[in-house]
Amino acid sequence: MKYLKVVSVCGLILFASFSFAQSPDPKSVALAKTVPIADVHLHTYSRNGPVSADIVQRMNANGVRWGGGVGDLRQDIAEALGNRHIPAAGQREFAESFFRQGPSTLVATENIYFRDLFMNARGMFASGTIKGFGELHTNNESSGPQPFRRKIKTDNPAMRKFYEIANDYGGFIQIHSQHNPEFTEDLLRLSADFPNTITILSHCLPLAQPDDLVNLFKQRKNIMCEMSASGELHNRLAKINRPGRAYTAEGLRPKWKALIEAYPDRIMLGSDTCCGWDAHYDEAIAEIRTNLLPYLRPDVIEQVAYKNALRVFTLQ
């Protein structure tokens, strides 16, 4: 019995040693506190969203230099942020169609909520009014707020229209979906058919493990992901009793660290203070600076924090 107890304790110690990354390099800790961040999952809702001055103040207070990547598209925020903005459209239309007509309409190109967007999108790309579409929810049947959940096939006529337009302008599409074999097949097909479109996977694809992302990254150069809501904060705010998927207060999980350092040009950062959580913006950025970035090499920190976003969104 005593032997079994010793073995059990040793096993727990060994498990713990593999569960989280090693102590961070002091250079990485220091850089993580000050490195500029591009928040590529910064929600700017038209209804009940924060005023532009509050958004700019929160970004400035937290060292967030650039922000956007998801909707809604707001002129006041575009003007307030100027060349710091990553303008995206489509989320408002997706949401209104879903709530007013149901998920089945989200696959139709003749959808009345998509009609004007499709008609005007090319002009918006050409003028720089938008750089992409997002956040487009296709399958969030077990992730995100309950009233917003749905499941549709990602490779559908409406999504192909979004990809086609973005492809003509080297734009991006940010998708919130969950990992499963059907989504993998759909995404690989869309990424091959529209090679100039960058797909950004919100939250680094809920339910996916690092190996699942490696599978996608190895096959397609135009697939990336952003790591919002992959720590502990969002679980706590949503009252979900679950540890952080990629990192916790104990640090970055080794498999996620290995993924990021193997594909440092494919990972970006985001806050995702959606759903009335705007007041927690400081916490979202602090969690990234404390529990994620310090566990990466300094050169990888800079890539993930902002350099990838500069490249993808042609920012200054």
C-alpha atoms as a PDB file:
ATOM      1  CA  MET A   1       0.000   0.000   0.000  1.00  0.00           C
ATOM      2  CA  LYS A   2       2.844   2.377   0.923  1.00  0.00           C
ATOM      3  CA  TYR A   3       4.519   1.570  -2.415  1.00  0.00           C
ATOM      4  CA  LEU A   4       1.309   2.364  -4.274  1.00  0.00           C
ATOM      5  CA  LYS A   5       1.015   5.703  -2.496  1.00  0.00           C
ATOM      6  CA  VAL A   6       4.585   6.601  -3.450  1.00  0.00           C
ATOM      7  CA  VAL A   7       3.950   5.616  -7.066  1.00  0.00           C
ATOM      8  CA  SER A   8       0.742   7.665  -7.090  1.00  0.00           C
ATOM      9  CA  VAL A   9       2.487  10.740  -5.715  1.00  0.00           C
ATOM     10  CA  CYS A  10       5.337  10.375  -8.185  1.00  0.00           C
ATOM     11  CA  GLY A  11       2.823   9.992 -10.991  1.00  0.00           C
ATOM     12  CA  LEU A  12       1.048  13.178  -9.971  1.00  0.00           C
ATOM     13  CA  ILE A  13       4.346  15.055  -9.852  1.00  0.00           C
ATOM     14  CA  LEU A  14       5.309  13.718 -13.274  1.00  0.00           C
ATOM     15  CA  PHE A  15       1.875  14.644 -14.665  1.00  0.00           C
ATOM     16  CA  ALA A  16       2.171  18.144 -13.270  1.00  0.00           C
ATOM     17  CA  SER A  17       5.595  18.558 -14.829  1.00  0.00           C
ATOM     18  CA  PHE A  18       4.163  17.778 -18.246  1.00  0.00           C
ATOM     19  CA  SER A  19       0.925  19.701 -17.766  1.00  0.00           C
ATOM     20  CA  PHE A  20       2.420  23.177 -17.940  1.00  0.00           C
ATOM     21  CA  ALA A  21       5.398  24.874 -19.489  1.00  0.00           C
ATOM     22  CA  GLN A  22       8.576  25.431 -17.515  1.00  0.00           C
ATOM     23  CA  SER A  23       9.284  28.660 -15.676  1.00  0.00           C
ATOM     24  CA  PRO A  24       9.460  31.550 -18.129  1.00  0.00           C
ATOM     25  CA  ASP A  25      12.666  33.247 -19.223  1.00  0.00           C
ATOM     26  CA  PRO A  26      13.055  36.615 -17.404  1.00  0.00           C
ATOM     27  CA  LYS A  27      13.574  38.278 -20.798  1.00  0.00           C
ATOM     28  CA  SER A  28      10.225  36.919 -21.976  1.00  0.00           C
ATOM     29  CA  VAL A  29       8.525  38.050 -18.769  1.00  0.00           C
ATOM     30  CA  ALA A  30       9.829  41.579 -19.232  1.00  0.00           C
ATOM     31  CA  LEU A  31       8.907  41.732 -22.919  1.00  0.00           C
ATOM     32  CA  ALA A  32       5.416  40.335 -22.279  1.00  0.00           C
ATOM     33  CA  LYS A  33       4.627  43.319 -20.057  1.00  0.00           C
ATOM     34  CA  THR A  34       5.404  45.936 -22.701  1.00  0.00           C
ATOM     35  CA  VAL A  35       5.142  44.389 -26.171  1.00  0.00           C
ATOM     36  CA  PRO A  36       2.474  46.109 -28.304  1.00  0.00           C
ATOM     37  CA  ILE A  37      -0.536  43.904 -28.952  1.00  0.00           C
ATOM     38  CA  ALA A  38      -2.840  43.597 -31.934  1.00  0.00           C
ATOM     39  CA  ASP A  39      -6.249  42.553 -30.650  1.00  0.00           C
ATOM     40  CA  VAL A  40      -7.754  40.740 -33.628  1.00  0.00           C
ATOM     41  CA  HIS A  41     -10.945  39.758 -31.796  1.00  0.00           C
ATOM     42  CA  LEU A  42     -12.099  43.166 -30.585  1.00  0.00           C
ATOM     43  CA  HIS A  43     -15.897  43.374 -30.664  1.00  0.00           C
ATOM     44  CA  THR A  44     -17.450  46.738 -31.520  1.00  0.00           C
ATOM     45  CA  TYR A  45     -21.188  46.151 -31.321  1.00  0.00           C
ATOM     46  CA  SER A  46     -23.587  48.711 -32.746  1.00  0.00           C
ATOM     47  CA  ARG A  47     -26.242  47.897 -30.155  1.00  0.00           C
ATOM     48  CA  ASN A  48     -25.302  48.447 -26.518  1.00  0.00           C
ATOM     49  CA  GLY A  49     -21.628  48.529 -27.436  1.00  0.00           C
ATOM     50  CA  PRO A  50     -19.094  50.806 -25.740  1.00  0.00           C
ATOM     51  CA  VAL A  51     -18.568  54.278 -27.156  1.00  0.00           C
ATOM     52  CA  SER A  52     -15.496  54.751 -29.309  1.00  0.00           C
ATOM     53  CA  ALA A  53     -13.724  56.875 -26.695  1.00  0.00           C
ATOM     54  CA  ASP A  54     -13.989  54.039 -24.167  1.00  0.00           C
ATOM     55  CA  ILE A  55     -12.600  51.527 -26.649  1.00  0.00           C
ATOM     56  CA  VAL A  56      -9.606  53.720 -27.453  1.00  0.00           C
ATOM     57  CA  GLN A  57      -9.001  54.415 -23.756  1.00  0.00           C
ATOM     58  CA  ARG A  58      -9.030  50.709 -22.882  1.00  0.00           C
ATOM     59  CA  MET A  59      -6.711  49.857 -25.731  1.00  0.00           C
ATOM     60  CA  ASN A  60      -4.251  52.602 -24.827  1.00  0.00           C
ATOM     61  CA  ALA A  61      -4.288  51.701 -21.135  1.00  0.00           C
ATOM     62  CA  ASN A  62      -3.361  48.092 -21.956  1.00  0.00           C
ATOM     63  CA  GLY A  63      -0.747  48.624 -24.647  1.00  0.00           C
ATOM     64  CA  VAL A  64      -3.067  47.417 -27.396  1.00  0.00           C
ATOM     65  CA  ARG A  65      -1.940  49.247 -30.499  1.00  0.00           C
ATOM     66  CA  TRP A  66      -4.306  47.756 -33.102  1.00  0.00           C
ATOM     67  CA  GLY A  67      -7.785  46.260 -32.838  1.00  0.00           C
ATOM     68  CA  GLY A  68     -10.738  44.831 -34.743  1.00  0.00           C
ATOM     69  CA  GLY A  69     -11.052  41.709 -36.855  1.00  0.00           C
ATOM     70  CA  VAL A  70     -14.688  41.121 -35.890  1.00  0.00           C
ATOM     71  CA  GLY A  71     -17.881  43.184 -36.177  1.00  0.00           C
ATOM     72  CA  ASP A  72     -19.824  45.296 -35.986  1.00  0.00           C
ATOM     73  CA  LEU A  73     -18.506  47.807 -38.504  1.00  0.00           C
ATOM     74  CA  ARG A  74     -18.799  51.268 -36.933  1.00  0.00           C
ATOM     75  CA  GLN A  75     -17.763  54.511 -38.574  1.00  0.00           C
ATOM     76  CA  ASP A  76     -17.068  56.229 -35.249  1.00  0.00           C
ATOM     77  CA  ILE A  77     -14.579  53.548 -34.252  1.00  0.00           C
ATOM     78  CA  ALA A  78     -12.949  53.580 -37.691  1.00  0.00           C
ATOM     79  CA  GLU A  79     -12.420  57.321 -37.305  1.00  0.00           C
ATOM     80  CA  ALA A  80     -11.240  57.090 -33.689  1.00  0.00           C
ATOM     81  CA  LEU A  81      -8.669  54.358 -34.412  1.00  0.00           C
ATOM     82  CA  GLY A  82      -7.603  55.430 -37.906  1.00  0.00           C
ATOM     83  CA  ASN A  83      -4.798  53.188 -39.159  1.00  0.00           C
ATOM     84  CA  ARG A  84      -4.943  51.223 -35.903  1.00  0.00           C
ATOM     85  CA  HIS A  85      -8.262  49.710 -36.967  1.00  0.00           C
ATOM     86  CA  ILE A  86      -8.844  46.230 -38.459  1.00  0.00           C
ATOM     87  CA  PRO A  87     -12.287  46.761 -40.012  1.00  0.00           C
ATOM     88  CA  ALA A  88     -14.533  43.755 -40.586  1.00  0.00           C
ATOM     89  CA  ALA A  89     -18.136  43.349 -41.712  1.00  0.00           C
ATOM     90  CA  GLY A  90     -20.671  40.541 -41.734  1.00  0.00           C
ATOM     91  CA  GLN A  91     -21.200  39.712 -38.088  1.00  0.00           C
ATOM     92  CA  ARG A  92     -24.207  42.007 -37.699  1.00  0.00           C
ATOM     93  CA  GLU A  93     -25.841  40.539 -40.825  1.00  0.00           C
ATOM     94  CA  PHE A  94     -25.135  36.996 -39.634  1.00  0.00           C
ATOM     95  CA  ALA A  95     -26.642  37.729 -36.218  1.00  0.00           C
ATOM     96  CA  GLU A  96     -29.755  39.464 -37.522  1.00  0.00           C
ATOM     97  CA  SER A  97     -30.432  36.705 -40.027  1.00  0.00           C
ATOM     98  CA  PHE A  98     -29.985  34.032 -37.365  1.00  0.00           C
ATOM     99  CA  PHE A  99     -32.261  35.651 -34.796  1.00  0.00           C
ATOM    100  CA  ARG A 100     -34.933  36.776 -37.242  1.00  0.00           C
ATOM    101  CA  GLN A 101     -35.002  33.846 -39.687  1.00  0.00           C
ATOM    102  CA  GLY A 102     -33.171  30.930 -38.089  1.00  0.00           C
ATOM    103  CA  PRO A 103     -29.931  29.108 -38.916  1.00  0.00           C
ATOM    104  CA  SER A 104     -31.137  27.568 -42.180  1.00  0.00           C
ATOM    105  CA  THR A 105     -31.080  30.992 -43.874  1.00  0.00           C
ATOM    106  CA  LEU A 106     -27.376  31.480 -43.141  1.00  0.00           C
ATOM    107  CA  VAL A 107     -26.421  29.277 -46.064  1.00  0.00           C
ATOM    108  CA  ALA A 108     -28.411  31.193 -48.704  1.00  0.00           C
ATOM    109  CA  THR A 109     -26.842  33.800 -50.981  1.00  0.00           C
ATOM    110  CA  GLU A 110     -30.286  35.352 -51.583  1.00  0.00           C
ATOM    111  CA  ASN A 111     -30.629  36.058 -47.851  1.00  0.00           C
ATOM    112  CA  ILE A 112     -32.040  39.586 -47.522  1.00  0.00           C
ATOM    113  CA  TYR A 113     -29.568  40.362 -44.726  1.00  0.00           C
ATOM    114  CA  PHE A 114     -26.625  39.424 -46.930  1.00  0.00           C
ATOM    115  CA  ARG A 115     -27.933  41.058 -50.117  1.00  0.00           C
ATOM    116  CA  ASP A 116     -26.726  44.625 -49.532  1.00  0.00           C
ATOM    117  CA  LEU A 117     -23.483  43.442 -47.960  1.00  0.00           C
ATOM    118  CA  PHE A 118     -22.612  41.295 -50.967  1.00  0.00           C
ATOM    119  CA  MET A 119     -23.587  44.145 -53.288  1.00  0.00           C
ATOM    120  CA  ASN A 120     -21.395  46.707 -51.510  1.00  0.00           C
ATOM    121  CA  ALA A 121     -18.522  44.576 -50.238  1.00  0.00           C
ATOM    122  CA  ARG A 122     -16.220  44.907 -53.240  1.00  0.00           C
ATOM    123  CA  GLY A 123     -16.427  48.682 -53.093  1.00  0.00           C
ATOM    124  CA  MET A 124     -15.752  48.548 -49.354  1.00  0.00           C
ATOM    125  CA  PHE A 125     -12.667  46.402 -49.890  1.00  0.00           C
ATOM    126  CA  ALA A 126     -11.426  48.657 -52.672  1.00  0.00           C
ATOM    127  CA  SER A 127     -11.807  51.781 -50.514  1.00  0.00           C
ATOM    128  CA  GLY A 128     -10.272  50.175 -47.434  1.00  0.00           C
ATOM    129  CA  THR A 129     -13.529  50.464 -45.486  1.00  0.00           C
ATOM    130  CA  ILE A 130     -13.210  46.751 -44.670  1.00  0.00           C
ATOM    131  CA  LYS A 131     -10.350  44.263 -44.774  1.00  0.00           C
ATOM    132  CA  GLY A 132     -12.406  41.139 -44.229  1.00  0.00           C
ATOM    133  CA  PHE A 133     -15.487  39.445 -42.812  1.00  0.00           C
ATOM    134  CA  GLY A 134     -16.019  38.243 -39.272  1.00  0.00           C
ATOM    135  CA  GLU A 135     -16.903  36.864 -36.863  1.00  0.00           C
ATOM    136  CA  LEU A 136     -19.009  34.405 -38.859  1.00  0.00           C
ATOM    137  CA  HIS A 137     -20.451  31.628 -36.682  1.00  0.00           C
ATOM    138  CA  THR A 138     -21.060  28.373 -38.490  1.00  0.00           C
ATOM    139  CA  ASN A 139     -20.929  25.718 -35.774  1.00  0.00           C
ATOM    140  CA  ASN A 140     -20.948  26.888 -32.171  1.00  0.00           C
ATOM    141  CA  GLU A 141     -23.441  24.310 -30.940  1.00  0.00           C
ATOM    142  CA  SER A 142     -21.569  23.851 -27.652  1.00  0.00           C
ATOM    143  CA  SER A 143     -19.477  27.027 -27.414  1.00  0.00           C
ATOM    144  CA  GLY A 144     -20.451  30.638 -26.862  1.00  0.00           C
ATOM    145  CA  PRO A 145     -23.605  32.048 -25.248  1.00  0.00           C
ATOM    146  CA  GLN A 146     -26.568  29.648 -25.379  1.00  0.00           C
ATOM    147  CA  PRO A 147     -28.985  31.901 -27.332  1.00  0.00           C
ATOM    148  CA  PHE A 148     -26.383  32.358 -30.073  1.00  0.00           C
ATOM    149  CA  ARG A 149     -25.655  28.689 -30.731  1.00  0.00           C
ATOM    150  CA  ARG A 150     -26.266  27.057 -34.079  1.00  0.00           C
ATOM    151  CA  LYS A 151     -24.825  24.453 -36.445  1.00  0.00           C
ATOM    152  CA  ILE A 152     -24.576  24.904 -40.192  1.00  0.00           C
ATOM    153  CA  LYS A 153     -22.178  23.452 -42.731  1.00  0.00           C
ATOM    154  CA  THR A 154     -19.191  25.767 -43.246  1.00  0.00           C
ATOM    155  CA  ASP A 155     -18.811  25.039 -46.953  1.00  0.00           C
ATOM    156  CA  ASN A 156     -22.154  26.414 -48.111  1.00  0.00           C
ATOM    157  CA  PRO A 157     -23.261  28.827 -50.874  1.00  0.00           C
ATOM    158  CA  ALA A 158     -23.306  31.934 -48.668  1.00  0.00           C
ATOM    159  CA  MET A 159     -19.892  31.225 -47.150  1.00  0.00           C
ATOM    160  CA  ARG A 160     -18.509  30.595 -50.631  1.00  0.00           C
ATOM    161  CA  LYS A 161     -19.738  34.061 -51.606  1.00  0.00           C
ATOM    162  CA  PHE A 162     -17.924  35.581 -48.643  1.00  0.00           C
ATOM    163  CA  TYR A 163     -14.764  33.687 -49.604  1.00  0.00           C
ATOM    164  CA  GLU A 164     -15.057  34.645 -53.266  1.00  0.00           C
ATOM    165  CA  ILE A 165     -15.273  38.359 -52.488  1.00  0.00           C
ATOM    166  CA  ALA A 166     -12.454  38.262 -49.930  1.00  0.00           C
ATOM    167  CA  ASN A 167     -10.327  36.262 -52.342  1.00  0.00           C
ATOM    168  CA  ASP A 168     -10.488  39.029 -54.957  1.00  0.00           C
ATOM    169  CA  TYR A 169      -8.922  41.482 -52.487  1.00  0.00           C
ATOM    170  CA  GLY A 170      -6.599  39.290 -50.440  1.00  0.00           C
ATOM    171  CA  GLY A 171      -8.961  39.707 -47.505  1.00  0.00           C
ATOM    172  CA  PHE A 172      -9.671  37.603 -44.448  1.00  0.00           C
ATOM    173  CA  ILE A 173     -12.590  35.687 -42.994  1.00  0.00           C
ATOM    174  CA  GLN A 174     -12.733  35.065 -39.260  1.00  0.00           C
ATOM    175  CA  ILE A 175     -14.827  31.993 -38.459  1.00  0.00           C
ATOM    176  CA  HIS A 176     -16.125  30.733 -35.139  1.00  0.00           C
ATOM    177  CA  SER A 177     -16.616  27.021 -35.529  1.00  0.00           C
ATOM    178  CA  GLN A 178     -15.840  23.875 -33.596  1.00  0.00           C
ATOM    179  CA  HIS A 179     -13.425  21.173 -34.551  1.00  0.00           C
ATOM    180  CA  ASN A 180     -14.879  18.054 -36.144  1.00  0.00           C
ATOM    181  CA  PRO A 181     -14.084  16.020 -39.290  1.00  0.00           C
ATOM    182  CA  GLU A 182     -16.714  17.779 -41.404  1.00  0.00           C
ATOM    183  CA  PHE A 183     -15.372  21.225 -40.552  1.00  0.00           C
ATOM    184  CA  THR A 184     -11.826  20.109 -41.345  1.00  0.00           C
ATOM    185  CA  GLU A 185     -12.907  18.884 -44.781  1.00  0.00           C
ATOM    186  CA  ASP A 186     -14.904  22.058 -45.438  1.00  0.00           C
ATOM    187  CA  LEU A 187     -12.096  24.378 -44.381  1.00  0.00           C
ATOM    188  CA  LEU A 188      -9.437  22.580 -46.385  1.00  0.00           C
ATOM    189  CA  ARG A 189     -11.681  22.703 -49.459  1.00  0.00           C
ATOM    190  CA  LEU A 190     -12.484  26.404 -49.080  1.00  0.00           C
ATOM    191  CA  SER A 191      -8.849  27.269 -48.406  1.00  0.00           C
ATOM    192  CA  ALA A 192      -7.789  25.465 -51.570  1.00  0.00           C
ATOM    193  CA  ASP A 193     -10.534  26.957 -53.732  1.00  0.00           C
ATOM    194  CA  PHE A 194      -9.846  30.508 -52.489  1.00  0.00           C
ATOM    195  CA  PRO A 195      -6.079  30.673 -51.941  1.00  0.00           C
ATOM    196  CA  ASN A 196      -5.952  34.465 -51.533  1.00  0.00           C
ATOM    197  CA  THR A 197      -8.385  34.436 -48.616  1.00  0.00           C
ATOM    198  CA  ILE A 198      -6.876  34.165 -45.130  1.00  0.00           C
ATOM    199  CA  THR A 199      -9.035  32.163 -42.742  1.00  0.00           C
ATOM    200  CA  ILE A 200      -8.666  33.141 -39.085  1.00  0.00           C
ATOM    201  CA  LEU A 201     -10.056  30.566 -36.679  1.00  0.00           C
ATOM    202  CA  SER A 202     -11.622  32.304 -33.694  1.00  0.00           C
ATOM    203  CA  HIS A 203     -10.348  30.976 -30.346  1.00  0.00           C
ATOM    204  CA  CYS A 204      -7.989  28.655 -32.251  1.00  0.00           C
ATOM    205  CA  LEU A 205     -10.947  26.426 -33.138  1.00  0.00           C
ATOM    206  CA  PRO A 206     -12.901  25.334 -30.032  1.00  0.00           C
ATOM    207  CA  LEU A 207     -12.583  21.623 -29.195  1.00  0.00           C
ATOM    208  CA  ALA A 208      -9.428  21.354 -31.311  1.00  0.00           C
ATOM    209  CA  GLN A 209      -6.202  20.048 -29.834  1.00  0.00           C
ATOM    210  CA  PRO A 210      -2.825  21.393 -30.983  1.00  0.00           C
ATOM    211  CA  ASP A 211      -2.374  18.353 -33.244  1.00  0.00           C
ATOM    212  CA  ASP A 212      -5.631  19.221 -35.025  1.00  0.00           C
ATOM    213  CA  LEU A 213      -4.325  22.708 -35.774  1.00  0.00           C
ATOM    214  CA  VAL A 214      -0.992  21.290 -36.932  1.00  0.00           C
ATOM    215  CA  ASN A 215      -2.940  19.164 -39.410  1.00  0.00           C
ATOM    216  CA  LEU A 216      -4.545  22.287 -40.872  1.00  0.00           C
ATOM    217  CA  PHE A 217      -1.403  24.440 -40.821  1.00  0.00           C
ATOM    218  CA  LYS A 218       0.655  21.761 -42.562  1.00  0.00           C
ATOM    219  CA  GLN A 219      -1.809  21.486 -45.442  1.00  0.00           C
ATOM    220  CA  ARG A 220      -2.689  25.149 -46.030  1.00  0.00           C
ATOM    221  CA  LYS A 221      -0.634  28.333 -45.798  1.00  0.00           C
ATOM    222  CA  ASN A 222      -3.727  30.544 -45.634  1.00  0.00           C
ATOM    223  CA  ILE A 223      -5.123  29.281 -42.310  1.00  0.00           C
ATOM    224  CA  MET A 224      -4.352  31.055 -39.023  1.00  0.00           C
ATOM    225  CA  CYS A 225      -5.913  31.209 -35.580  1.00  0.00           C
ATOM    226  CA  GLU A 226      -6.296  33.686 -32.743  1.00  0.00           C
ATOM    227  CA  MET A 227      -6.176  32.690 -29.084  1.00  0.00           C
ATOM    228  CA  SER A 228      -8.964  34.659 -27.428  1.00  0.00           C
ATOM    229  CA  ALA A 229     -10.991  32.839 -24.768  1.00  0.00           C
ATOM    230  CA  SER A 230      -8.401  30.066 -24.436  1.00  0.00           C
ATOM    231  CA  GLY A 231      -7.440  30.935 -20.859  1.00  0.00           C
ATOM    232  CA  GLU A 232      -9.429  30.924 -17.618  1.00  0.00           C
ATOM    233  CA  LEU A 233     -11.117  34.343 -17.668  1.00  0.00           C
ATOM    234  CA  HIS A 234     -13.855  33.582 -20.187  1.00  0.00           C
ATOM    235  CA  ASN A 235     -14.767  30.329 -18.442  1.00  0.00           C
ATOM    236  CA  ARG A 236     -15.152  32.245 -15.186  1.00  0.00           C
ATOM    237  CA  LEU A 237     -17.250  34.973 -16.790  1.00  0.00           C
ATOM    238  CA  ALA A 238     -19.468  32.352 -18.412  1.00  0.00           C
ATOM    239  CA  LYS A 239     -19.694  30.504 -15.068  1.00  0.00           C
ATOM    240  CA  ILE A 240     -18.152  27.383 -16.582  1.00  0.00           C
ATOM    241  CA  ASN A 241     -16.188  25.239 -14.138  1.00  0.00           C
ATOM    242  CA  ARG A 242     -13.357  24.317 -16.487  1.00  0.00           C
ATOM    243  CA  PRO A 243      -9.632  25.139 -16.604  1.00  0.00           C
ATOM    244  CA  GLY A 244      -8.140  27.215 -19.383  1.00  0.00           C
ATOM    245  CA  ARG A 245      -7.815  25.267 -22.599  1.00  0.00           C
ATOM    246  CA  ALA A 246      -4.362  26.552 -23.620  1.00  0.00           C
ATOM    247  CA  TYR A 247      -3.104  28.334 -20.520  1.00  0.00           C
ATOM    248  CA  THR A 248      -3.971  28.961 -16.871  1.00  0.00           C
ATOM    249  CA  ALA A 249      -2.470  30.856 -13.957  1.00  0.00           C
ATOM    250  CA  GLU A 250       0.107  28.055 -13.840  1.00  0.00           C
ATOM    251  CA  GLY A 251       1.289  28.841 -17.357  1.00  0.00           C
ATOM    252  CA  LEU A 252       1.070  27.707 -20.962  1.00  0.00           C
ATOM    253  CA  ARG A 253       0.418  24.041 -21.613  1.00  0.00           C
ATOM    254  CA  PRO A 254       3.419  22.346 -23.265  1.00  0.00           C
ATOM    255  CA  LYS A 255       1.552  21.122 -26.348  1.00  0.00           C
ATOM    256  CA  TRP A 256       0.265  24.625 -27.002  1.00  0.00           C
ATOM    257  CA  LYS A 257       3.709  26.091 -26.468  1.00  0.00           C
ATOM    258  CA  ALA A 258       5.097  23.556 -28.965  1.00  0.00           C
ATOM    259  CA  LEU A 259       2.376  24.446 -31.490  1.00  0.00           C
ATOM    260  CA  ILE A 260       2.980  28.190 -31.214  1.00  0.00           C
ATOM    261  CA  GLU A 261       6.749  27.904 -31.448  1.00  0.00           C
ATOM    262  CA  ALA A 262       6.514  25.494 -34.388  1.00  0.00           C
ATOM    263  CA  TYR A 263       4.082  27.793 -36.256  1.00  0.00           C
ATOM    264  CA  PRO A 264       4.799  31.280 -34.902  1.00  0.00           C
ATOM    265  CA  ASP A 265       3.559  32.893 -38.117  1.00  0.00           C
ATOM    266  CA  ARG A 266       0.056  31.376 -37.736  1.00  0.00           C
ATOM    267  CA  ILE A 267      -1.011  32.553 -34.271  1.00  0.00           C
ATOM    268  CA  MET A 268      -2.462  35.889 -33.170  1.00  0.00           C
ATOM    269  CA  LEU A 269      -4.117  37.322 -30.060  1.00  0.00           C
ATOM    270  CA  GLY A 270      -7.588  38.554 -29.173  1.00  0.00           C
ATOM    271  CA  SER A 271      -9.665  39.735 -26.221  1.00  0.00           C
ATOM    272  CA  ASP A 272     -13.249  38.697 -27.147  1.00  0.00           C
ATOM    273  CA  THR A 273     -14.945  40.734 -24.441  1.00  0.00           C
ATOM    274  CA  CYS A 274     -18.281  40.041 -26.061  1.00  0.00           C
ATOM    275  CA  CYS A 275     -21.680  39.664 -24.544  1.00  0.00           C
ATOM    276  CA  GLY A 276     -21.573  42.541 -22.053  1.00  0.00           C
ATOM    277  CA  TRP A 277     -18.070  41.740 -20.798  1.00  0.00           C
ATOM    278  CA  ASP A 278     -16.500  45.023 -21.936  1.00  0.00           C
ATOM    279  CA  ALA A 279     -15.659  45.976 -18.358  1.00  0.00           C
ATOM    280  CA  HIS A 280     -13.312  42.971 -18.205  1.00  0.00           C
ATOM    281  CA  TYR A 281     -11.078  44.149 -21.052  1.00  0.00           C
ATOM    282  CA  ASP A 282      -8.182  44.962 -18.706  1.00  0.00           C
ATOM    283  CA  GLU A 283      -8.362  41.439 -17.262  1.00  0.00           C
ATOM    284  CA  ALA A 284      -8.401  39.831 -20.710  1.00  0.00           C
ATOM    285  CA  ILE A 285      -5.216  41.598 -21.775  1.00  0.00           C
ATOM    286  CA  ALA A 286      -3.548  41.108 -18.385  1.00  0.00           C
ATOM    287  CA  GLU A 287      -4.224  37.366 -18.634  1.00  0.00           C
ATOM    288  CA  ILE A 288      -2.492  37.254 -22.022  1.00  0.00           C
ATOM    289  CA  ARG A 289       0.498  39.233 -20.752  1.00  0.00           C
ATOM    290  CA  THR A 290       0.812  37.136 -17.572  1.00  0.00           C
ATOM    291  CA  ASN A 291      -0.208  33.567 -18.385  1.00  0.00           C
ATOM    292  CA  LEU A 292       0.527  33.181 -22.110  1.00  0.00           C
ATOM    293  CA  LEU A 293       3.214  35.439 -23.573  1.00  0.00           C
ATOM    294  CA  PRO A 294       5.911  35.000 -20.867  1.00  0.00           C
ATOM    295  CA  TYR A 295       6.190  31.298 -21.720  1.00  0.00           C
ATOM    296  CA  LEU A 296       7.274  31.943 -25.317  1.00  0.00           C
ATOM    297  CA  ARG A 297      10.639  32.915 -26.757  1.00  0.00           C
ATOM    298  CA  PRO A 298      11.067  36.693 -27.156  1.00  0.00           C
ATOM    299  CA  ASP A 299      11.070  36.514 -30.966  1.00  0.00           C
ATOM    300  CA  VAL A 300       7.884  34.433 -30.913  1.00  0.00           C
ATOM    301  CA  ILE A 301       6.243  36.847 -28.472  1.00  0.00           C
ATOM    302  CA  GLU A 302       6.662  39.686 -30.961  1.00  0.00           C
ATOM    303  CA  GLN A 303       5.322  37.641 -33.866  1.00  0.00           C
ATOM    304  CA  VAL A 304       2.260  36.458 -32.006  1.00  0.00           C
ATOM    305  CA  ALA A 305       1.580  39.762 -30.245  1.00  0.00           C
ATOM    306  CA  TYR A 306       1.582  42.004 -33.312  1.00  0.00           C
ATOM    307  CA  LYS A 307       3.895  41.195 -36.223  1.00  0.00           C
ATOM    308  CA  ASN A 308       1.613  38.561 -37.742  1.00  0.00           C
ATOM    309  CA  ALA A 309      -1.275  41.020 -37.606  1.00  0.00           C
ATOM    310  CA  LEU A 310       0.811  43.709 -39.292  1.00  0.00           C
ATOM    311  CA  ARG A 311       1.444  41.312 -42.151  1.00  0.00           C
ATOM    312  CA  VAL A 312      -2.049  39.842 -42.497  1.00  0.00           C
ATOM    313  CA  PHE A 313      -3.963  43.113 -42.177  1.00  0.00           C
ATOM    314  CA  THR A 314      -1.314  45.392 -43.768  1.00  0.00           C
ATOM    315  CA  LEU A 315      -1.141  47.594 -40.688  1.00  0.00           C
ATOM    316  CA  GLN A 316       1.395  50.252 -39.808  1.00  0.00           C
END
